[in-house]
Amino acid sequence: MEMTLRRAAIAHKQVLMVSGDIELGSLPRFNDALSRLVTDNAGHVVAVDIDGTGVIEDAALGLILGAAGRARPAGGDIEIVCTDARLRQRFAENGFDRAVTINQSIH
């Protein structure tokens, strides 16, 4: 399924909503959108809503970690919005949830 990206302001937070698969071919677009989200909102917490995704390559998780690392020195951060129990389990198993906050809704 082709990846689509949309930005929106929800609950006073900038959100990147992702639908489709984040796979090898779509990683550059995902990285670009993620970088712009962090840069445009320096010093603020932003969210990446992955509830509309199917496949998420491990490399995409690395891109999120890198973006969070760039956001934090300016006082910002990245949160992931994910209600999928399978993905939440994967994040717990690989330790991703210890590095990035995972929420079930946008706060």
PDB file of N, CA and C in Angstrom:
ATOM      1  N   MET A   1       0.852  -1.172   0.000  1.00  0.00           N
ATOM      2  CA  MET A   1       0.000   0.000   0.000  1.00  0.00           C
ATOM      3  C   MET A   1       0.898   1.235   0.000  1.00  0.00           C
ATOM      4  N   GLU A   2       0.649   2.159  -0.906  1.00  0.00           N
ATOM      5  CA  GLU A   2       1.456   3.364  -1.027  1.00  0.00           C
ATOM      6  C   GLU A   2       1.294   4.244   0.205  1.00  0.00           C
ATOM      7  N   MET A   3       2.403   4.824   0.645  1.00  0.00           N
ATOM      8  CA  MET A   3       2.399   5.688   1.823  1.00  0.00           C
ATOM      9  C   MET A   3       1.904   7.088   1.459  1.00  0.00           C
ATOM     10  N   THR A   4       1.042   7.621   2.305  1.00  0.00           N
ATOM     11  CA  THR A   4       0.634   9.015   2.195  1.00  0.00           C
ATOM     12  C   THR A   4       0.943   9.702   3.520  1.00  0.00           C
ATOM     13  N   LEU A   5       1.290  10.977   3.432  1.00  0.00           N
ATOM     14  CA  LEU A   5       1.649  11.768   4.600  1.00  0.00           C
ATOM     15  C   LEU A   5       0.795  13.020   4.621  1.00  0.00           C
ATOM     16  N   ARG A   6       0.317  13.368   5.809  1.00  0.00           N
ATOM     17  CA  ARG A   6      -0.490  14.577   5.953  1.00  0.00           C
ATOM     18  C   ARG A   6      -0.150  15.204   7.286  1.00  0.00           C
ATOM     19  N   ARG A   7       0.022  16.517   7.299  1.00  0.00           N
ATOM     20  CA  ARG A   7       0.260  17.230   8.551  1.00  0.00           C
ATOM     21  C   ARG A   7      -1.001  17.945   8.978  1.00  0.00           C
ATOM     22  N   ALA A   8      -1.197  17.980  10.297  1.00  0.00           N
ATOM     23  CA  ALA A   8      -2.365  18.664  10.846  1.00  0.00           C
ATOM     24  C   ALA A   8      -2.034  19.139  12.248  1.00  0.00           C
ATOM     25  N   ALA A   9      -2.780  20.136  12.706  1.00  0.00           N
ATOM     26  CA  ALA A   9      -2.682  20.590  14.095  1.00  0.00           C
ATOM     27  C   ALA A   9      -3.847  19.959  14.849  1.00  0.00           C
ATOM     28  N   ILE A  10      -3.507  19.165  15.858  1.00  0.00           N
ATOM     29  CA  ILE A  10      -4.521  18.497  16.675  1.00  0.00           C
ATOM     30  C   ILE A  10      -4.159  18.710  18.132  1.00  0.00           C
ATOM     31  N   ALA A  11      -5.108  19.189  18.923  1.00  0.00           N
ATOM     32  CA  ALA A  11      -4.891  19.419  20.354  1.00  0.00           C
ATOM     33  C   ALA A  11      -3.637  20.277  20.570  1.00  0.00           C
ATOM     34  N   HIS A  12      -3.493  21.337  19.798  1.00  0.00           N
ATOM     35  CA  HIS A  12      -2.364  22.270  19.911  1.00  0.00           C
ATOM     36  C   HIS A  12      -1.023  21.609  19.653  1.00  0.00           C
ATOM     37  N   LYS A  13      -1.014  20.544  18.885  1.00  0.00           N
ATOM     38  CA  LYS A  13       0.224  19.833  18.569  1.00  0.00           C
ATOM     39  C   LYS A  13       0.262  19.573  17.072  1.00  0.00           C
ATOM     40  N   GLN A  14       1.442  19.726  16.486  1.00  0.00           N
ATOM     41  CA  GLN A  14       1.616  19.399  15.078  1.00  0.00           C
ATOM     42  C   GLN A  14       1.778  17.887  14.950  1.00  0.00           C
ATOM     43  N   VAL A  15       1.028  17.317  14.030  1.00  0.00           N
ATOM     44  CA  VAL A  15       0.978  15.869  13.877  1.00  0.00           C
ATOM     45  C   VAL A  15       1.260  15.500  12.421  1.00  0.00           C
ATOM     46  N   LEU A  16       2.125  14.508  12.243  1.00  0.00           N
ATOM     47  CA  LEU A  16       2.347  13.906  10.934  1.00  0.00           C
ATOM     48  C   LEU A  16       1.566  12.609  10.918  1.00  0.00           C
ATOM     49  N   MET A  17       0.541  12.548  10.078  1.00  0.00           N
ATOM     50  CA  MET A  17      -0.290  11.349   9.983  1.00  0.00           C
ATOM     51  C   MET A  17       0.181  10.533   8.783  1.00  0.00           C
ATOM     52  N   VAL A  18       0.483   9.275   9.080  1.00  0.00           N
ATOM     53  CA  VAL A  18       1.040   8.388   8.063  1.00  0.00           C
ATOM     54  C   VAL A  18       0.040   7.287   7.764  1.00  0.00           C
ATOM     55  N   SER A  19      -0.241   7.060   6.473  1.00  0.00           N
ATOM     56  CA  SER A  19      -1.036   5.906   6.064  1.00  0.00           C
ATOM     57  C   SER A  19      -0.262   5.155   5.002  1.00  0.00           C
ATOM     58  N   GLY A  20      -0.493   3.861   4.985  1.00  0.00           N
ATOM     59  CA  GLY A  20       0.209   3.012   4.039  1.00  0.00           C
ATOM     60  C   GLY A  20       1.462   2.430   4.662  1.00  0.00           C
ATOM     61  N   ASP A  21       2.325   1.911   3.808  1.00  0.00           N
ATOM     62  CA  ASP A  21       3.522   1.224   4.271  1.00  0.00           C
ATOM     63  C   ASP A  21       4.735   2.147   4.286  1.00  0.00           C
ATOM     64  N   ILE A  22       5.468   2.109   5.385  1.00  0.00           N
ATOM     65  CA  ILE A  22       6.744   2.820   5.467  1.00  0.00           C
ATOM     66  C   ILE A  22       7.808   1.761   5.207  1.00  0.00           C
ATOM     67  N   GLU A  23       8.175   1.665   3.925  1.00  0.00           N
ATOM     68  CA  GLU A  23       9.121   0.640   3.514  1.00  0.00           C
ATOM     69  C   GLU A  23      10.296   1.295   2.806  1.00  0.00           C
ATOM     70  N   LEU A  24      11.207   0.496   2.346  1.00  0.00           N
ATOM     71  CA  LEU A  24      12.453   0.992   1.782  1.00  0.00           C
ATOM     72  C   LEU A  24      12.238   2.116   0.766  1.00  0.00           C
ATOM     73  N   GLY A  25      11.317   1.934  -0.147  1.00  0.00           N
ATOM     74  CA  GLY A  25      11.090   2.928  -1.190  1.00  0.00           C
ATOM     75  C   GLY A  25      10.498   4.237  -0.705  1.00  0.00           C
ATOM     76  N   SER A  26       9.789   4.202   0.410  1.00  0.00           N
ATOM     77  CA  SER A  26       9.154   5.422   0.919  1.00  0.00           C
ATOM     78  C   SER A  26       9.947   6.083   2.044  1.00  0.00           C
ATOM     79  N   LEU A  27      11.047   5.465   2.483  1.00  0.00           N
ATOM     80  CA  LEU A  27      11.836   6.027   3.588  1.00  0.00           C
ATOM     81  C   LEU A  27      12.326   7.451   3.320  1.00  0.00           C
ATOM     82  N   PRO A  28      12.823   7.775   2.121  1.00  0.00           N
ATOM     83  CA  PRO A  28      13.277   9.154   1.902  1.00  0.00           C
ATOM     84  C   PRO A  28      12.162  10.190   2.091  1.00  0.00           C
ATOM     85  N   ARG A  29      10.968   9.901   1.583  1.00  0.00           N
ATOM     86  CA  ARG A  29       9.834  10.830   1.761  1.00  0.00           C
ATOM     87  C   ARG A  29       9.460  10.947   3.228  1.00  0.00           C
ATOM     88  N   PHE A  30       9.429   9.811   3.932  1.00  0.00           N
ATOM     89  CA  PHE A  30       9.106   9.805   5.349  1.00  0.00           C
ATOM     90  C   PHE A  30      10.139  10.615   6.126  1.00  0.00           C
ATOM     91  N   ASN A  31      11.416  10.408   5.833  1.00  0.00           N
ATOM     92  CA  ASN A  31      12.480  11.134   6.522  1.00  0.00           C
ATOM     93  C   ASN A  31      12.374  12.637   6.274  1.00  0.00           C
ATOM     94  N   ASP A  32      12.097  13.014   5.039  1.00  0.00           N
ATOM     95  CA  ASP A  32      11.962  14.431   4.701  1.00  0.00           C
ATOM     96  C   ASP A  32      10.805  15.060   5.474  1.00  0.00           C
ATOM     97  N   ALA A  33       9.662  14.397   5.508  1.00  0.00           N
ATOM     98  CA  ALA A  33       8.495  14.929   6.222  1.00  0.00           C
ATOM     99  C   ALA A  33       8.766  15.015   7.721  1.00  0.00           C
ATOM    100  N   LEU A  34       9.424  14.018   8.264  1.00  0.00           N
ATOM    101  CA  LEU A  34       9.761  13.985   9.679  1.00  0.00           C
ATOM    102  C   LEU A  34      10.734  15.117  10.023  1.00  0.00           C
ATOM    103  N   SER A  35      11.743  15.311   9.197  1.00  0.00           N
ATOM    104  CA  SER A  35      12.718  16.385   9.425  1.00  0.00           C
ATOM    105  C   SER A  35      12.058  17.755   9.369  1.00  0.00           C
ATOM    106  N   ARG A  36      11.177  17.959   8.386  1.00  0.00           N
ATOM    107  CA  ARG A  36      10.468  19.242   8.291  1.00  0.00           C
ATOM    108  C   ARG A  36       9.570  19.464   9.495  1.00  0.00           C
ATOM    109  N   LEU A  37       8.910  18.404   9.974  1.00  0.00           N
ATOM    110  CA  LEU A  37       8.043  18.510  11.148  1.00  0.00           C
ATOM    111  C   LEU A  37       8.843  18.989  12.353  1.00  0.00           C
ATOM    112  N   VAL A  38      10.006  18.385  12.590  1.00  0.00           N
ATOM    113  CA  VAL A  38      10.843  18.762  13.732  1.00  0.00           C
ATOM    114  C   VAL A  38      11.406  20.165  13.558  1.00  0.00           C
ATOM    115  N   THR A  39      11.921  20.473  12.376  1.00  0.00           N
ATOM    116  CA  THR A  39      12.512  21.788  12.123  1.00  0.00           C
ATOM    117  C   THR A  39      11.480  22.901  12.231  1.00  0.00           C
ATOM    118  N   ASP A  40      10.313  22.698  11.655  1.00  0.00           N
ATOM    119  CA  ASP A  40       9.260  23.719  11.686  1.00  0.00           C
ATOM    120  C   ASP A  40       8.696  23.946  13.082  1.00  0.00           C
ATOM    121  N   ASN A  41       8.902  22.993  13.978  1.00  0.00           N
ATOM    122  CA  ASN A  41       8.314  23.067  15.321  1.00  0.00           C
ATOM    123  C   ASN A  41       9.386  22.940  16.403  1.00  0.00           C
ATOM    124  N   ALA A  42      10.535  23.545  16.143  1.00  0.00           N
ATOM    125  CA  ALA A  42      11.650  23.474  17.090  1.00  0.00           C
ATOM    126  C   ALA A  42      11.198  23.923  18.479  1.00  0.00           C
ATOM    127  N   GLY A  43      11.575  23.148  19.483  1.00  0.00           N
ATOM    128  CA  GLY A  43      11.220  23.472  20.853  1.00  0.00           C
ATOM    129  C   GLY A  43       9.861  22.976  21.300  1.00  0.00           C
ATOM    130  N   HIS A  44       9.169  22.275  20.427  1.00  0.00           N
ATOM    131  CA  HIS A  44       7.832  21.760  20.739  1.00  0.00           C
ATOM    132  C   HIS A  44       7.789  20.242  20.578  1.00  0.00           C
ATOM    133  N   VAL A  45       6.859  19.638  21.271  1.00  0.00           N
ATOM    134  CA  VAL A  45       6.616  18.211  21.112  1.00  0.00           C
ATOM    135  C   VAL A  45       5.702  18.037  19.907  1.00  0.00           C
ATOM    136  N   VAL A  46       6.091  17.149  19.005  1.00  0.00           N
ATOM    137  CA  VAL A  46       5.289  16.836  17.827  1.00  0.00           C
ATOM    138  C   VAL A  46       4.904  15.366  17.889  1.00  0.00           C
ATOM    139  N   ALA A  47       3.937  14.979  17.093  1.00  0.00           N
ATOM    140  CA  ALA A  47       3.469  13.592  17.111  1.00  0.00           C
ATOM    141  C   ALA A  47       3.511  13.009  15.706  1.00  0.00           C
ATOM    142  N   VAL A  48       3.757  11.707  15.658  1.00  0.00           N
ATOM    143  CA  VAL A  48       3.680  10.955  14.411  1.00  0.00           C
ATOM    144  C   VAL A  48       2.617   9.885  14.624  1.00  0.00           C
ATOM    145  N   ASP A  49       1.511  10.017  13.913  1.00  0.00           N
ATOM    146  CA  ASP A  49       0.385   9.085  14.045  1.00  0.00           C
ATOM    147  C   ASP A  49       0.567   7.973  13.012  1.00  0.00           C
ATOM    148  N   ILE A  50       0.863   6.761  13.511  1.00  0.00           N
ATOM    149  CA  ILE A  50       1.108   5.635  12.614  1.00  0.00           C
ATOM    150  C   ILE A  50      -0.052   4.652  12.589  1.00  0.00           C
ATOM    151  N   ASP A  51      -1.207   5.051  13.102  1.00  0.00           N
ATOM    152  CA  ASP A  51      -2.354   4.139  13.126  1.00  0.00           C
ATOM    153  C   ASP A  51      -2.806   3.707  11.738  1.00  0.00           C
ATOM    154  N   GLY A  52      -2.491   4.475  10.712  1.00  0.00           N
ATOM    155  CA  GLY A  52      -2.908   4.120   9.363  1.00  0.00           C
ATOM    156  C   GLY A  52      -1.881   3.318   8.594  1.00  0.00           C
ATOM    157  N   THR A  53      -0.824   2.887   9.272  1.00  0.00           N
ATOM    158  CA  THR A  53       0.233   2.161   8.559  1.00  0.00           C
ATOM    159  C   THR A  53       0.001   0.667   8.576  1.00  0.00           C
ATOM    160  N   GLY A  54       0.636   0.006   7.635  1.00  0.00           N
ATOM    161  CA  GLY A  54       0.626  -1.451   7.594  1.00  0.00           C
ATOM    162  C   GLY A  54       2.004  -1.941   7.989  1.00  0.00           C
ATOM    163  N   VAL A  55       2.935  -1.822   7.056  1.00  0.00           N
ATOM    164  CA  VAL A  55       4.314  -2.241   7.275  1.00  0.00           C
ATOM    165  C   VAL A  55       5.131  -1.038   7.737  1.00  0.00           C
ATOM    166  N   ILE A  56       5.954  -1.252   8.768  1.00  0.00           N
ATOM    167  CA  ILE A  56       6.898  -0.226   9.210  1.00  0.00           C
ATOM    168  C   ILE A  56       8.270  -0.888   9.296  1.00  0.00           C
ATOM    169  N   GLU A  57       9.133  -0.539   8.360  1.00  0.00           N
ATOM    170  CA  GLU A  57      10.493  -1.076   8.352  1.00  0.00           C
ATOM    171  C   GLU A  57      11.238  -0.611   9.605  1.00  0.00           C
ATOM    172  N   ASP A  58      12.162  -1.426  10.085  1.00  0.00           N
ATOM    173  CA  ASP A  58      12.979  -1.043  11.240  1.00  0.00           C
ATOM    174  C   ASP A  58      13.755   0.242  10.969  1.00  0.00           C
ATOM    175  N   ALA A  59      14.137   0.467   9.725  1.00  0.00           N
ATOM    176  CA  ALA A  59      14.856   1.695   9.378  1.00  0.00           C
ATOM    177  C   ALA A  59      14.013   2.937   9.661  1.00  0.00           C
ATOM    178  N   ALA A  60      12.701   2.825   9.532  1.00  0.00           N
ATOM    179  CA  ALA A  60      11.823   3.956   9.840  1.00  0.00           C
ATOM    180  C   ALA A  60      11.884   4.287  11.326  1.00  0.00           C
ATOM    181  N   LEU A  61      11.996   3.260  12.168  1.00  0.00           N
ATOM    182  CA  LEU A  61      12.128   3.501  13.604  1.00  0.00           C
ATOM    183  C   LEU A  61      13.428   4.232  13.882  1.00  0.00           C
ATOM    184  N   GLY A  62      14.473   3.875  13.157  1.00  0.00           N
ATOM    185  CA  GLY A  62      15.744   4.578  13.295  1.00  0.00           C
ATOM    186  C   GLY A  62      15.634   6.036  12.894  1.00  0.00           C
ATOM    187  N   LEU A  63      14.870   6.314  11.847  1.00  0.00           N
ATOM    188  CA  LEU A  63      14.667   7.702  11.431  1.00  0.00           C
ATOM    189  C   LEU A  63      13.917   8.496  12.497  1.00  0.00           C
ATOM    190  N   ILE A  64      12.945   7.865  13.126  1.00  0.00           N
ATOM    191  CA  ILE A  64      12.196   8.530  14.207  1.00  0.00           C
ATOM    192  C   ILE A  64      13.125   8.818  15.383  1.00  0.00           C
ATOM    193  N   LEU A  65      13.963   7.846  15.740  1.00  0.00           N
ATOM    194  CA  LEU A  65      14.916   8.053  16.836  1.00  0.00           C
ATOM    195  C   LEU A  65      15.874   9.197  16.513  1.00  0.00           C
ATOM    196  N   GLY A  66      16.348   9.249  15.281  1.00  0.00           N
ATOM    197  CA  GLY A  66      17.238  10.329  14.868  1.00  0.00           C
ATOM    198  C   GLY A  66      16.562  11.688  14.939  1.00  0.00           C
ATOM    199  N   ALA A  67      15.309  11.756  14.498  1.00  0.00           N
ATOM    200  CA  ALA A  67      14.565  13.014  14.541  1.00  0.00           C
ATOM    201  C   ALA A  67      14.329  13.447  15.984  1.00  0.00           C
ATOM    202  N   ALA A  68      14.033  12.479  16.860  1.00  0.00           N
ATOM    203  CA  ALA A  68      13.855  12.804  18.281  1.00  0.00           C
ATOM    204  C   ALA A  68      15.161  13.339  18.857  1.00  0.00           C
ATOM    205  N   GLY A  69      16.265  12.747  18.464  1.00  0.00           N
ATOM    206  CA  GLY A  69      17.573  13.217  18.918  1.00  0.00           C
ATOM    207  C   GLY A  69      17.868  14.635  18.466  1.00  0.00           C
ATOM    208  N   ARG A  70      17.400  15.020  17.293  1.00  0.00           N
ATOM    209  CA  ARG A  70      17.583  16.388  16.808  1.00  0.00           C
ATOM    210  C   ARG A  70      16.624  17.354  17.483  1.00  0.00           C
ATOM    211  N   ALA A  71      15.451  16.874  17.885  1.00  0.00           N
ATOM    212  CA  ALA A  71      14.444  17.744  18.505  1.00  0.00           C
ATOM    213  C   ALA A  71      14.777  18.067  19.961  1.00  0.00           C
ATOM    214  N   ARG A  72      15.339  17.146  20.683  1.00  0.00           N
ATOM    215  CA  ARG A  72      15.526  17.279  22.128  1.00  0.00           C
ATOM    216  C   ARG A  72      16.458  18.393  22.566  1.00  0.00           C
ATOM    217  N   PRO A  73      17.563  18.661  21.894  1.00  0.00           N
ATOM    218  CA  PRO A  73      18.424  19.760  22.357  1.00  0.00           C
ATOM    219  C   PRO A  73      17.728  21.121  22.370  1.00  0.00           C
ATOM    220  N   ALA A  74      16.730  21.306  21.514  1.00  0.00           N
ATOM    221  CA  ALA A  74      15.982  22.568  21.460  1.00  0.00           C
ATOM    222  C   ALA A  74      14.775  22.552  22.395  1.00  0.00           C
ATOM    223  N   GLY A  75      14.611  21.476  23.179  1.00  0.00           N
ATOM    224  CA  GLY A  75      13.474  21.380  24.097  1.00  0.00           C
ATOM    225  C   GLY A  75      12.251  20.722  23.498  1.00  0.00           C
ATOM    226  N   GLY A  76      12.364  20.169  22.316  1.00  0.00           N
ATOM    227  CA  GLY A  76      11.242  19.481  21.674  1.00  0.00           C
ATOM    228  C   GLY A  76      11.343  17.976  21.855  1.00  0.00           C
ATOM    229  N   ASP A  77      10.440  17.273  21.244  1.00  0.00           N
ATOM    230  CA  ASP A  77      10.469  15.816  21.276  1.00  0.00           C
ATOM    231  C   ASP A  77       9.460  15.285  20.263  1.00  0.00           C
ATOM    232  N   ILE A  78       9.486  13.973  20.089  1.00  0.00           N
ATOM    233  CA  ILE A  78       8.546  13.292  19.202  1.00  0.00           C
ATOM    234  C   ILE A  78       7.807  12.243  20.008  1.00  0.00           C
ATOM    235  N   GLU A  79       6.503  12.190  19.804  1.00  0.00           N
ATOM    236  CA  GLU A  79       5.672  11.130  20.374  1.00  0.00           C
ATOM    237  C   GLU A  79       5.073  10.340  19.222  1.00  0.00           C
ATOM    238  N   ILE A  80       4.852   9.071  19.454  1.00  0.00           N
ATOM    239  CA  ILE A  80       4.213   8.210  18.460  1.00  0.00           C
ATOM    240  C   ILE A  80       2.792   7.924  18.925  1.00  0.00           C
ATOM    241  N   VAL A  81       1.846   8.014  18.013  1.00  0.00           N
ATOM    242  CA  VAL A  81       0.464   7.659  18.306  1.00  0.00           C
ATOM    243  C   VAL A  81       0.208   6.317  17.636  1.00  0.00           C
ATOM    244  N   CYS A  82      -0.128   5.319  18.469  1.00  0.00           N
ATOM    245  CA  CYS A  82      -0.314   3.968  17.960  1.00  0.00           C
ATOM    246  C   CYS A  82      -1.274   3.204  18.865  1.00  0.00           C
ATOM    247  N   THR A  83      -2.366   2.724  18.295  1.00  0.00           N
ATOM    248  CA  THR A  83      -3.317   1.922  19.062  1.00  0.00           C
ATOM    249  C   THR A  83      -3.207   0.442  18.724  1.00  0.00           C
ATOM    250  N   ASP A  84      -2.444   0.104  17.704  1.00  0.00           N
ATOM    251  CA  ASP A  84      -2.302  -1.279  17.254  1.00  0.00           C
ATOM    252  C   ASP A  84      -1.512  -2.093  18.276  1.00  0.00           C
ATOM    253  N   ALA A  85      -2.154  -3.084  18.885  1.00  0.00           N
ATOM    254  CA  ALA A  85      -1.514  -3.896  19.926  1.00  0.00           C
ATOM    255  C   ALA A  85      -0.293  -4.632  19.402  1.00  0.00           C
ATOM    256  N   ARG A  86      -0.334  -5.069  18.164  1.00  0.00           N
ATOM    257  CA  ARG A  86       0.801  -5.781  17.565  1.00  0.00           C
ATOM    258  C   ARG A  86       2.025  -4.870  17.471  1.00  0.00           C
ATOM    259  N   LEU A  87       1.821  -3.644  17.014  1.00  0.00           N
ATOM    260  CA  LEU A  87       2.937  -2.702  16.915  1.00  0.00           C
ATOM    261  C   LEU A  87       3.442  -2.294  18.294  1.00  0.00           C
ATOM    262  N   ARG A  88       2.524  -2.052  19.221  1.00  0.00           N
ATOM    263  CA  ARG A  88       2.935  -1.667  20.580  1.00  0.00           C
ATOM    264  C   ARG A  88       3.777  -2.781  21.209  1.00  0.00           C
ATOM    265  N   GLN A  89       3.422  -4.034  20.948  1.00  0.00           N
ATOM    266  CA  GLN A  89       4.206  -5.155  21.455  1.00  0.00           C
ATOM    267  C   GLN A  89       5.590  -5.170  20.819  1.00  0.00           C
ATOM    268  N   ARG A  90       5.638  -4.926  19.528  1.00  0.00           N
ATOM    269  CA  ARG A  90       6.931  -4.876  18.825  1.00  0.00           C
ATOM    270  C   ARG A  90       7.814  -3.781  19.415  1.00  0.00           C
ATOM    271  N   PHE A  91       7.233  -2.610  19.699  1.00  0.00           N
ATOM    272  CA  PHE A  91       8.003  -1.506  20.269  1.00  0.00           C
ATOM    273  C   PHE A  91       8.517  -1.849  21.665  1.00  0.00           C
ATOM    274  N   ALA A  92       7.726  -2.602  22.428  1.00  0.00           N
ATOM    275  CA  ALA A  92       8.164  -3.027  23.765  1.00  0.00           C
ATOM    276  C   ALA A  92       9.290  -4.052  23.648  1.00  0.00           C
ATOM    277  N   GLU A  93       9.163  -4.973  22.717  1.00  0.00           N
ATOM    278  CA  GLU A  93      10.168  -6.032  22.564  1.00  0.00           C
ATOM    279  C   GLU A  93      11.517  -5.505  22.095  1.00  0.00           C
ATOM    280  N   ASN A  94      11.498  -4.514  21.206  1.00  0.00           N
ATOM    281  CA  ASN A  94      12.777  -4.012  20.699  1.00  0.00           C
ATOM    282  C   ASN A  94      13.300  -2.790  21.457  1.00  0.00           C
ATOM    283  N   GLY A  95      12.576  -2.350  22.492  1.00  0.00           N
ATOM    284  CA  GLY A  95      13.032  -1.242  23.330  1.00  0.00           C
ATOM    285  C   GLY A  95      12.744   0.138  22.776  1.00  0.00           C
ATOM    286  N   PHE A  96      12.073   0.211  21.638  1.00  0.00           N
ATOM    287  CA  PHE A  96      11.760   1.513  21.029  1.00  0.00           C
ATOM    288  C   PHE A  96      10.934   2.372  21.979  1.00  0.00           C
ATOM    289  N   ASP A  97      10.034   1.737  22.739  1.00  0.00           N
ATOM    290  CA  ASP A  97       9.158   2.492  23.654  1.00  0.00           C
ATOM    291  C   ASP A  97       9.912   3.069  24.853  1.00  0.00           C
ATOM    292  N   ARG A  98      11.152   2.682  25.064  1.00  0.00           N
ATOM    293  CA  ARG A  98      11.952   3.293  26.119  1.00  0.00           C
ATOM    294  C   ARG A  98      12.646   4.554  25.624  1.00  0.00           C
ATOM    295  N   ALA A  99      12.759   4.695  24.314  1.00  0.00           N
ATOM    296  CA  ALA A  99      13.436   5.847  23.728  1.00  0.00           C
ATOM    297  C   ALA A  99      12.460   6.923  23.245  1.00  0.00           C
ATOM    298  N   VAL A 100      11.253   6.505  22.874  1.00  0.00           N
ATOM    299  CA  VAL A 100      10.245   7.423  22.343  1.00  0.00           C
ATOM    300  C   VAL A 100       8.920   7.111  23.024  1.00  0.00           C
ATOM    301  N   THR A 101       8.207   8.155  23.421  1.00  0.00           N
ATOM    302  CA  THR A 101       6.904   7.972  24.067  1.00  0.00           C
ATOM    303  C   THR A 101       5.886   7.471  23.054  1.00  0.00           C
ATOM    304  N   ILE A 102       5.170   6.415  23.450  1.00  0.00           N
ATOM    305  CA  ILE A 102       4.113   5.849  22.604  1.00  0.00           C
ATOM    306  C   ILE A 102       2.785   6.112  23.317  1.00  0.00           C
ATOM    307  N   ASN A 103       1.873   6.802  22.637  1.00  0.00           N
ATOM    308  CA  ASN A 103       0.560   7.104  23.187  1.00  0.00           C
ATOM    309  C   ASN A 103      -0.520   6.457  22.330  1.00  0.00           C
ATOM    310  N   GLN A 104      -1.680   6.241  22.929  1.00  0.00           N
ATOM    311  CA  GLN A 104      -2.804   5.691  22.174  1.00  0.00           C
ATOM    312  C   GLN A 104      -3.677   6.788  21.576  1.00  0.00           C
ATOM    313  N   SER A 105      -3.414   8.032  21.954  1.00  0.00           N
ATOM    314  CA  SER A 105      -4.139   9.159  21.362  1.00  0.00           C
ATOM    315  C   SER A 105      -3.241  10.396  21.426  1.00  0.00           C
ATOM    316  N   ILE A 106      -3.654  11.439  20.750  1.00  0.00           N
ATOM    317  CA  ILE A 106      -2.900  12.680  20.753  1.00  0.00           C
ATOM    318  C   ILE A 106      -3.314  13.482  21.976  1.00  0.00           C
ATOM    319  N   HIS A 107      -2.334  13.842  22.769  1.00  0.00           N
ATOM    320  CA  HIS A 107      -2.595  14.616  23.998  1.00  0.00           C
ATOM    321  C   HIS A 107      -2.283  16.066  23.788  1.00  0.00           C
TER     322      HIS A 107
END
